[in-house]
Protein backbone atom coordinates (compact mmCIF):
# COMPACT_ATOMS: atom_id res chain seq x y z
CA MET A 1 -54.59 30.81 -18.38
CA ASP A 2 -54.30 27.56 -20.15
CA ARG A 3 -51.34 28.85 -22.22
CA LEU A 4 -49.79 30.00 -18.84
CA HIS A 5 -50.16 26.81 -17.28
CA GLU A 6 -48.90 24.98 -20.21
CA GLU A 7 -45.85 27.31 -20.27
CA VAL A 8 -45.21 26.78 -16.32
CA TRP A 9 -45.53 22.98 -17.00
CA LEU A 10 -42.84 23.04 -19.90
CA MET A 11 -40.37 25.13 -17.59
CA LYS A 12 -40.94 22.23 -15.02
CA ARG A 13 -39.99 19.67 -17.44
CA PHE A 14 -37.00 21.84 -18.53
CA VAL A 15 -35.75 22.21 -15.13
CA LEU A 16 -36.23 18.44 -14.19
CA SER A 17 -34.49 17.46 -17.19
CA LEU A 18 -31.35 19.50 -16.25
CA THR A 19 -31.56 18.48 -12.64
CA LEU A 20 -31.80 14.89 -13.64
CA ALA A 21 -28.70 15.18 -16.06
CA ALA A 22 -26.72 16.77 -13.29
CA GLY A 23 -27.74 14.06 -10.92
CA MET A 24 -26.67 11.33 -13.37
CA VAL A 25 -23.10 13.02 -14.12
CA LEU A 26 -22.54 13.20 -10.36
CA LEU A 27 -23.42 9.79 -10.00
CA MET A 28 -21.24 8.58 -12.53
CA ALA A 29 -18.68 10.47 -11.46
CA ALA A 30 -19.02 8.92 -8.01
CA LEU A 31 -18.96 5.41 -9.24
CA GLY A 32 -15.73 6.29 -11.58
CA THR A 33 -13.95 7.62 -8.44
CA ALA A 34 -14.84 4.57 -6.32
CA TYR A 35 -13.15 2.27 -8.98
CA ALA A 36 -10.01 4.56 -9.06
CA GLN A 37 -9.66 4.65 -5.54
CA ASP A 38 -10.28 0.52 -5.20
CA GLU A 39 -7.89 -0.17 -8.05
CA HIS A 40 -5.32 2.65 -7.78
CA GLY A 41 -5.97 5.04 -4.88
CA ASP A 42 -5.53 8.43 -6.76
CA GLU A 43 -5.24 9.75 -10.22
CA GLU A 44 -1.52 9.04 -10.42
CA ASP A 45 -0.30 7.17 -13.40
CA GLU A 46 -1.35 3.53 -13.34
CA ALA A 47 2.03 1.75 -13.71
CA ALA A 48 3.79 3.87 -11.36
CA VAL A 49 1.16 3.53 -8.66
CA ARG A 50 1.42 -0.40 -9.13
CA GLY A 51 5.14 -0.13 -8.99
CA ALA A 52 4.87 1.77 -5.82
CA ALA A 53 3.10 -0.99 -4.38
CA VAL A 54 5.61 -3.79 -5.76
CA PHE A 55 8.39 -1.24 -4.28
CA ALA A 56 6.81 -1.06 -0.78
CA GLU A 57 6.45 -4.81 -0.29
CA PHE A 58 9.78 -5.80 -1.70
CA CYS A 59 12.50 -2.65 -1.82
CA GLN A 60 11.85 -0.01 0.84
CA ALA A 61 13.27 -2.62 3.37
CA CYS A 62 16.69 -1.74 2.19
CA HIS A 63 16.16 1.61 0.11
CA GLY A 64 14.01 3.52 1.80
CA PRO A 65 10.71 5.10 0.35
CA GLN A 66 12.81 6.88 -2.30
CA GLY A 67 16.23 5.42 -2.33
CA GLU A 68 17.58 7.67 0.79
CA ALA A 69 20.14 6.09 3.23
CA ILE A 70 18.03 4.46 5.96
CA GLY A 71 21.48 2.92 7.67
CA SER A 72 24.99 2.96 7.72
CA GLY A 73 25.45 -0.58 6.37
CA PRO A 74 26.23 -1.36 2.84
CA ALA A 75 22.69 -2.67 2.09
CA PHE A 76 20.86 0.42 3.39
CA VAL A 77 23.14 3.25 1.65
CA ALA A 78 21.29 6.05 -0.55
CA ILE A 79 21.10 5.00 -4.27
CA SER A 80 20.59 6.87 -7.51
CA PHE A 81 18.31 5.86 -10.01
CA ASP A 82 19.73 4.59 -13.64
CA GLU A 83 17.04 2.41 -15.41
CA ASP A 84 19.70 0.11 -16.99
CA ASN A 85 21.49 -0.40 -13.49
CA ALA A 86 18.21 -0.94 -11.91
CA ARG A 87 16.87 -3.84 -14.15
CA ASP A 88 19.97 -5.56 -13.77
CA ALA A 89 20.09 -5.46 -10.46
CA ILE A 90 16.53 -6.53 -9.98
CA GLU A 91 16.89 -9.28 -12.54
CA HIS A 92 20.32 -10.55 -11.55
CA GLY A 93 20.98 -9.43 -8.09
CA HIS A 94 23.76 -7.07 -6.88
CA THR A 95 27.00 -8.12 -4.88
CA ASP A 96 25.72 -10.69 -1.99
CA LEU A 97 23.55 -8.19 0.02
CA MET A 98 20.76 -8.19 -2.99
CA PRO A 99 19.33 -11.51 -4.29
CA PRO A 100 18.07 -11.59 -8.20
CA TYR A 101 14.24 -11.36 -8.31
CA ALA A 102 13.72 -12.54 -11.75
CA ASP A 103 11.99 -15.47 -10.82
CA VAL A 104 9.85 -13.53 -8.02
CA PHE A 105 8.64 -10.63 -10.28
CA THR A 106 6.99 -10.86 -13.40
CA ARG A 107 8.04 -8.81 -16.49
CA GLU A 108 5.29 -6.34 -15.92
CA GLN A 109 6.10 -5.85 -12.10
CA ILE A 110 9.79 -4.74 -13.14
CA ASP A 111 8.27 -2.50 -15.81
CA ASP A 112 6.02 -1.03 -13.06
CA VAL A 113 8.86 -0.53 -10.46
CA MET A 114 10.56 1.30 -13.38
CA ALA A 115 7.79 3.53 -13.88
CA TYR A 116 7.72 4.18 -10.22
CA LEU A 117 11.58 4.83 -10.03
CA HIS A 118 11.11 7.40 -12.97
CA THR A 119 8.98 9.57 -10.56
CA TRP A 120 11.61 10.20 -8.46
CA GLU A 121 13.12 12.27 -11.37
CA SER A 122 9.79 14.05 -11.93
CA GLY A 123 9.32 14.67 -8.40
CA GLU A 124 5.46 13.37 -8.76
CA VAL A 125 5.97 10.39 -6.62
CA PRO A 126 2.74 8.49 -5.84
CA PRO A 127 2.98 7.59 -1.93
CA LEU A 128 3.80 4.15 -1.17
CA PRO A 129 0.66 2.17 0.29
CA GLU A 130 0.53 1.56 4.03
CA PRO A 131 0.54 -1.97 5.37
CA ASN A 132 -2.71 -3.82 5.97
CA ILE A 133 -2.53 -4.69 9.30
CA HIS A 134 -4.80 -7.19 10.89
CA ASP A 135 -6.04 -6.63 14.40
CA GLU A 136 -2.99 -7.88 16.64
CA PRO A 137 -3.32 -8.68 20.46
CA GLU A 138 -2.35 -6.02 22.72
CA SER A 139 0.42 -8.24 24.34
CA VAL A 140 2.04 -11.45 24.22
CA PRO A 141 3.04 -13.50 27.49
CA GLY A 142 6.25 -13.51 27.98
CA TYR A 143 7.20 -10.60 25.64
CA ASN A 144 7.64 -6.90 26.05
CA GLY A 145 7.18 -5.48 22.64
CA ASP A 146 4.02 -4.08 20.79
CA PRO A 147 2.53 -6.67 18.59
CA HIS A 148 1.10 -4.33 16.38
CA GLU A 149 4.08 -1.98 15.91
CA GLY A 150 5.62 -5.23 15.11
CA ALA A 151 3.27 -6.28 12.35
CA VAL A 152 4.26 -2.92 10.85
CA VAL A 153 8.08 -3.54 11.04
CA TYR A 154 7.65 -7.15 9.62
CA ALA A 155 5.26 -5.84 6.87
CA LYS A 156 7.91 -3.36 5.75
CA PHE A 157 11.52 -4.94 6.38
CA CYS A 158 10.41 -8.83 6.21
CA ASN A 159 7.43 -9.70 4.22
CA GLY A 160 9.11 -8.87 0.88
CA CYS A 161 11.57 -12.13 1.18
CA HIS A 162 9.81 -14.27 3.71
CA GLY A 163 6.24 -13.90 2.87
CA ALA A 164 3.27 -12.84 4.72
CA GLN A 165 3.37 -15.50 7.38
CA GLY A 166 7.10 -16.47 6.97
CA GLU A 167 5.99 -19.23 4.39
CA GLY A 168 8.97 -17.85 1.91
CA ARG A 169 8.46 -17.06 -1.55
CA GLY A 170 9.08 -20.27 -3.25
CA GLU A 171 12.93 -19.61 -4.15
CA SER A 172 16.27 -20.49 -2.14
CA LEU A 173 16.84 -17.03 -1.85
CA PHE A 174 13.94 -16.11 -0.20
CA PRO A 175 13.32 -19.01 2.39
CA PRO A 176 10.72 -19.37 5.10
CA PHE A 177 11.57 -19.36 8.82
CA GLU A 178 10.47 -20.55 11.83
CA PHE A 179 10.26 -18.36 14.88
CA SER A 180 12.86 -19.34 17.82
CA ASP A 181 14.32 -17.67 20.93
CA GLY A 182 17.26 -16.72 18.60
CA THR A 183 15.36 -14.75 16.00
CA ALA A 184 15.46 -11.44 17.29
CA ALA A 185 19.39 -11.70 17.58
CA PHE A 186 19.64 -13.26 14.54
CA VAL A 187 17.69 -10.22 12.80
CA SER A 188 19.48 -7.50 14.67
CA ALA A 189 23.21 -8.59 14.24
CA GLN A 190 23.61 -12.14 12.65
CA HIS A 191 21.53 -11.68 9.62
CA ASP A 192 23.25 -10.49 6.38
CA PRO A 193 22.24 -7.94 6.04
CA ALA A 194 21.65 -7.06 9.73
CA PHE A 195 18.72 -5.05 10.23
CA GLY A 196 19.88 -3.79 13.88
CA GLU A 197 20.86 -0.26 14.31
CA THR A 198 23.97 -1.39 16.46
CA ALA A 199 25.09 -3.32 13.01
CA GLY A 200 24.24 -0.78 10.71
CA GLY A 201 20.71 -1.60 10.04
CA PRO A 202 17.56 0.70 10.03
CA LEU A 203 15.92 -0.86 13.22
CA SER A 204 15.90 0.21 16.59
CA ASP A 205 16.16 -1.92 19.51
CA GLU A 206 12.51 -1.01 20.45
CA GLN A 207 11.57 -2.00 16.47
CA ILE A 208 13.52 -5.55 17.35
CA ALA A 209 11.34 -6.17 20.30
CA ASP A 210 8.13 -5.36 18.83
CA LEU A 211 8.91 -7.51 15.79
CA GLU A 212 9.82 -10.33 18.02
CA THR A 213 6.65 -10.08 19.93
CA TYR A 214 4.88 -9.83 16.56
CA LEU A 215 6.64 -13.28 15.63
CA ALA A 216 5.89 -14.79 18.87
CA SER A 217 2.06 -14.21 18.42
CA TRP A 218 2.26 -16.54 15.48
CA GLN A 219 3.38 -19.57 17.97
CA ALA A 220 0.54 -18.68 20.18
CA GLY A 221 -2.06 -18.82 17.30
CA GLU A 222 -3.24 -15.09 17.74
CA GLY A 223 -4.35 -12.71 15.22
CA ASP A 224 -7.32 -12.09 12.71
CA ASP A 225 -7.15 -13.32 8.88
CA ASP A 226 -9.76 -10.86 8.03
CA GLN A 227 -8.80 -7.30 7.61
CA PRO A 228 -11.88 -4.71 7.29
CA ARG A 229 -10.81 -1.95 4.40
CA SER A 230 -11.77 1.70 5.01
CA GLU A 231 -14.31 3.27 2.57
CA GLY A 232 -13.56 6.52 0.88
CA ILE A 233 -15.62 9.41 2.39
CA ASN A 234 -15.41 11.64 -0.59
CA VAL A 235 -17.36 8.99 -2.58
CA LEU A 236 -20.11 8.97 -0.29
CA ILE A 237 -20.49 12.69 -0.14
CA VAL A 238 -20.84 12.65 -4.10
CA LEU A 239 -23.10 9.86 -3.86
CA GLY A 240 -24.87 11.83 -1.49
CA GLY A 241 -24.91 14.91 -3.43
CA ALA A 242 -26.14 12.69 -6.80
CA LEU A 243 -29.45 11.66 -4.60
CA ALA A 244 -30.10 14.88 -3.02
CA ILE A 245 -30.36 16.46 -6.55
CA LEU A 246 -32.43 13.65 -7.94
CA ALA A 247 -34.77 13.98 -4.81
CA ILE A 248 -35.03 17.65 -5.18
CA GLY A 249 -35.74 17.43 -9.29
CA GLY A 250 -38.53 14.62 -8.30
CA ALA A 251 -40.27 16.92 -5.47
CA TYR A 252 -40.23 20.15 -8.00
CA LEU A 253 -41.90 18.15 -10.57
CA SER A 254 -44.65 16.89 -8.25
CA ARG A 255 -45.38 20.34 -7.22
C-alpha cells in the first residue's frame, strides 16, 4: 500500500512538472509576443516594418501605400522602385516637386525605407501603420467638416512636411504654417503640388473641408494630447492560458 502511495505521489510530481513547464513556455511566449507587438506590430522583417512607418509619415502623401497613382498631377503619378534612383531622390530631391530629405532622415531611416520598398517586389508588404488620432471635437463652430476625418487627412498628407502641429521640420523646405481663412484654397489649388482633386491631387472637396475644420480646431485650442493605445487581445488570451495551466497544476498537486 505504501508503495502504491509512493507511485501515485511520484506521478503527481511528474505531471506537475510538465504542467509548470508548459505554463512557463506559454508565459514566456506571451511576453515575447507583447514585446514584438509593442515594437513592430507583427513578425515582418524589422527594417521593412520600420521603413513602412517612415513611408507612411513622409511618402504616402504623394506616392500612395505602394507607389500607385493617387492623382493625375505630376507629383501623384505611379512610381516604380529602383533602389539607386530612390536613394538619390530621397537624398537630393526630384524636380521641384520633391524636396531632399537628407537633412530630415537619418541614414538608418533611408535604409529602412529601402527595405520597405523592396517588399513591393517580393509581395510580402508590411501594412502601413494607421495614424494615432487624438479625440477630436465633433464639430468646430463656423466650419462644416468632420475634425476627426480631417485629423486623418492631416496625418497622411501634411504631417510629413509640416509636423504634427504645423511646427515644421526645422528646415526651410519643410516650413511651419499658420492656419488662416485662405488655407483650404491654398492646399487645394495654389500649393505646389496642389492636393485638390480638381487640380490633379488626391483629396476630394469633402476631405479638404474636413482638413480645414481640423486645422480650425487648433485655433480654438481644442484636442487632447493624450492618446490611449490599444492592447493586443491575443496576448491576453495567451497569458490567460498560461495562468490557467499553472492554476490547474497547483490544484492537481494539492489533491
